[in-house]
Amino acid sequence: MIEIGIRGDCVYAIYSVPYKEDFLDIAHWAFYINTYMKMLNKLLEERRLPNIKAGIGLAANETLAVKAGRKSSRIINLV
């Protein structure tokens, strides 16, 4: 891992991997996190509690960009 950061309400991690197989490992972790969020929200829904919303994005590129901003303000910047 190269960097973990927080920009407003956005938390991000930047990874650098030498092989495609390593990128697939990172993708699998993103899939696991997405599945966990769906399961958690199902439990929260059953208890009539508010859901948690989180976006997970992956990119394989040399340009490092993180989308951050408040959706309600319609201002979303690349950091």
C-alpha atoms as a PDB file:
ATOM      1  CA  MET A   1       0.000   0.000   0.000  1.00  0.00           C
ATOM      2  CA  ILE A   2       1.261   3.435  -0.885  1.00  0.00           C
ATOM      3  CA  GLU A   3      -1.183   5.770   0.839  1.00  0.00           C
ATOM      4  CA  ILE A   4      -4.319   5.890   2.969  1.00  0.00           C
ATOM      5  CA  GLY A   5      -6.102   9.221   3.141  1.00  0.00           C
ATOM      6  CA  ILE A   6      -9.230  11.044   4.213  1.00  0.00           C
ATOM      7  CA  ARG A   7     -10.719  13.933   2.237  1.00  0.00           C
ATOM      8  CA  GLY A   8     -13.929  15.192   3.797  1.00  0.00           C
ATOM      9  CA  ASP A   9     -16.141  12.128   4.194  1.00  0.00           C
ATOM     10  CA  CYS A  10     -14.121  10.109   1.645  1.00  0.00           C
ATOM     11  CA  VAL A  11     -11.649   7.463   2.827  1.00  0.00           C
ATOM     12  CA  TYR A  12      -9.333   6.023   0.205  1.00  0.00           C
ATOM     13  CA  ALA A  13      -6.346   3.732  -0.232  1.00  0.00           C
ATOM     14  CA  ILE A  14      -3.851   3.713  -3.084  1.00  0.00           C
ATOM     15  CA  TYR A  15      -2.043   0.485  -3.862  1.00  0.00           C
ATOM     16  CA  SER A  16       0.872  -0.215  -6.152  1.00  0.00           C
ATOM     17  CA  VAL A  17       1.311  -3.803  -7.284  1.00  0.00           C
ATOM     18  CA  PRO A  18       3.898  -5.248  -9.662  1.00  0.00           C
ATOM     19  CA  TYR A  19       1.790  -8.086 -11.131  1.00  0.00           C
ATOM     20  CA  LYS A  20      -1.736  -8.497 -12.500  1.00  0.00           C
ATOM     21  CA  GLU A  21      -2.349 -11.326 -10.014  1.00  0.00           C
ATOM     22  CA  ASP A  22      -1.780  -8.862  -7.172  1.00  0.00           C
ATOM     23  CA  PHE A  23      -4.368  -6.505  -8.653  1.00  0.00           C
ATOM     24  CA  LEU A  24      -6.856  -9.377  -8.700  1.00  0.00           C
ATOM     25  CA  ASP A  25      -6.260  -9.886  -4.970  1.00  0.00           C
ATOM     26  CA  ILE A  26      -7.143  -6.241  -4.344  1.00  0.00           C
ATOM     27  CA  ALA A  27     -10.256  -6.610  -6.511  1.00  0.00           C
ATOM     28  CA  HIS A  28     -11.328  -9.650  -4.493  1.00  0.00           C
ATOM     29  CA  TRP A  29     -11.034  -7.619  -1.269  1.00  0.00           C
ATOM     30  CA  ALA A  30     -13.259  -4.932  -2.800  1.00  0.00           C
ATOM     31  CA  PHE A  31     -15.814  -7.629  -3.687  1.00  0.00           C
ATOM     32  CA  TYR A  32     -15.719  -8.960  -0.114  1.00  0.00           C
ATOM     33  CA  ILE A  33     -16.233  -5.481   1.334  1.00  0.00           C
ATOM     34  CA  ASN A  34     -19.154  -4.834  -1.023  1.00  0.00           C
ATOM     35  CA  THR A  35     -20.779  -8.151  -0.029  1.00  0.00           C
ATOM     36  CA  TYR A  36     -20.260  -7.370   3.665  1.00  0.00           C
ATOM     37  CA  MET A  37     -21.926  -3.968   3.232  1.00  0.00           C
ATOM     38  CA  LYS A  38     -24.951  -5.602   1.596  1.00  0.00           C
ATOM     39  CA  MET A  39     -25.236  -8.152   4.418  1.00  0.00           C
ATOM     40  CA  LEU A  40     -24.851  -5.453   7.079  1.00  0.00           C
ATOM     41  CA  ASN A  41     -27.516  -3.277   5.476  1.00  0.00           C
ATOM     42  CA  LYS A  42     -29.898  -6.257   5.364  1.00  0.00           C
ATOM     43  CA  LEU A  43     -29.452  -6.719   9.119  1.00  0.00           C
ATOM     44  CA  LEU A  44     -29.925  -2.989   9.729  1.00  0.00           C
ATOM     45  CA  GLU A  45     -33.078  -3.025   7.585  1.00  0.00           C
ATOM     46  CA  GLU A  46     -34.517  -5.931   9.593  1.00  0.00           C
ATOM     47  CA  ARG A  47     -33.995  -3.890  12.770  1.00  0.00           C
ATOM     48  CA  ARG A  48     -35.503  -0.766  11.153  1.00  0.00           C
ATOM     49  CA  LEU A  49     -32.209   1.127  11.396  1.00  0.00           C
ATOM     50  CA  PRO A  50     -30.805   3.431   8.693  1.00  0.00           C
ATOM     51  CA  ASN A  51     -28.648   1.854   6.010  1.00  0.00           C
ATOM     52  CA  ILE A  52     -24.999   2.683   5.478  1.00  0.00           C
ATOM     53  CA  LYS A  53     -24.063   3.895   2.003  1.00  0.00           C
ATOM     54  CA  ALA A  54     -20.551   3.434   0.654  1.00  0.00           C
ATOM     55  CA  GLY A  55     -19.108   3.516  -2.837  1.00  0.00           C
ATOM     56  CA  ILE A  56     -16.220   1.289  -3.812  1.00  0.00           C
ATOM     57  CA  GLY A  57     -14.234   2.103  -6.925  1.00  0.00           C
ATOM     58  CA  LEU A  58     -11.289   0.377  -8.538  1.00  0.00           C
ATOM     59  CA  ALA A  59      -8.998   1.563 -11.295  1.00  0.00           C
ATOM     60  CA  ALA A  60      -5.867   0.213 -12.923  1.00  0.00           C
ATOM     61  CA  ASN A  61      -4.143   3.260 -14.261  1.00  0.00           C
ATOM     62  CA  GLU A  62      -1.095   5.408 -13.709  1.00  0.00           C
ATOM     63  CA  THR A  63      -3.263   8.454 -12.993  1.00  0.00           C
ATOM     64  CA  LEU A  64      -4.128   8.601  -9.312  1.00  0.00           C
ATOM     65  CA  ALA A  65      -7.597  10.090  -8.841  1.00  0.00           C
ATOM     66  CA  VAL A  66     -10.114   9.863  -6.039  1.00  0.00           C
ATOM     67  CA  LYS A  67     -13.652  11.177  -6.442  1.00  0.00           C
ATOM     68  CA  ALA A  68     -14.625  13.200  -3.365  1.00  0.00           C
ATOM     69  CA  GLY A  69     -17.377  15.625  -2.527  1.00  0.00           C
ATOM     70  CA  ARG A  70     -20.900  15.906  -1.240  1.00  0.00           C
ATOM     71  CA  LYS A  71     -23.573  14.471  -3.486  1.00  0.00           C
ATOM     72  CA  SER A  72     -26.199  16.886  -2.165  1.00  0.00           C
ATOM     73  CA  SER A  73     -24.079  19.893  -3.163  1.00  0.00           C
ATOM     74  CA  ARG A  74     -23.468  18.501  -6.678  1.00  0.00           C
ATOM     75  CA  ILE A  75     -19.791  19.375  -6.260  1.00  0.00           C
ATOM     76  CA  ILE A  76     -17.659  16.290  -6.866  1.00  0.00           C
ATOM     77  CA  ASN A  77     -13.946  16.786  -7.485  1.00  0.00           C
ATOM     78  CA  LEU A  78     -11.103  14.485  -8.365  1.00  0.00           C
ATOM     79  CA  VAL A  79      -8.428  14.600  -5.709  1.00  0.00           C
END
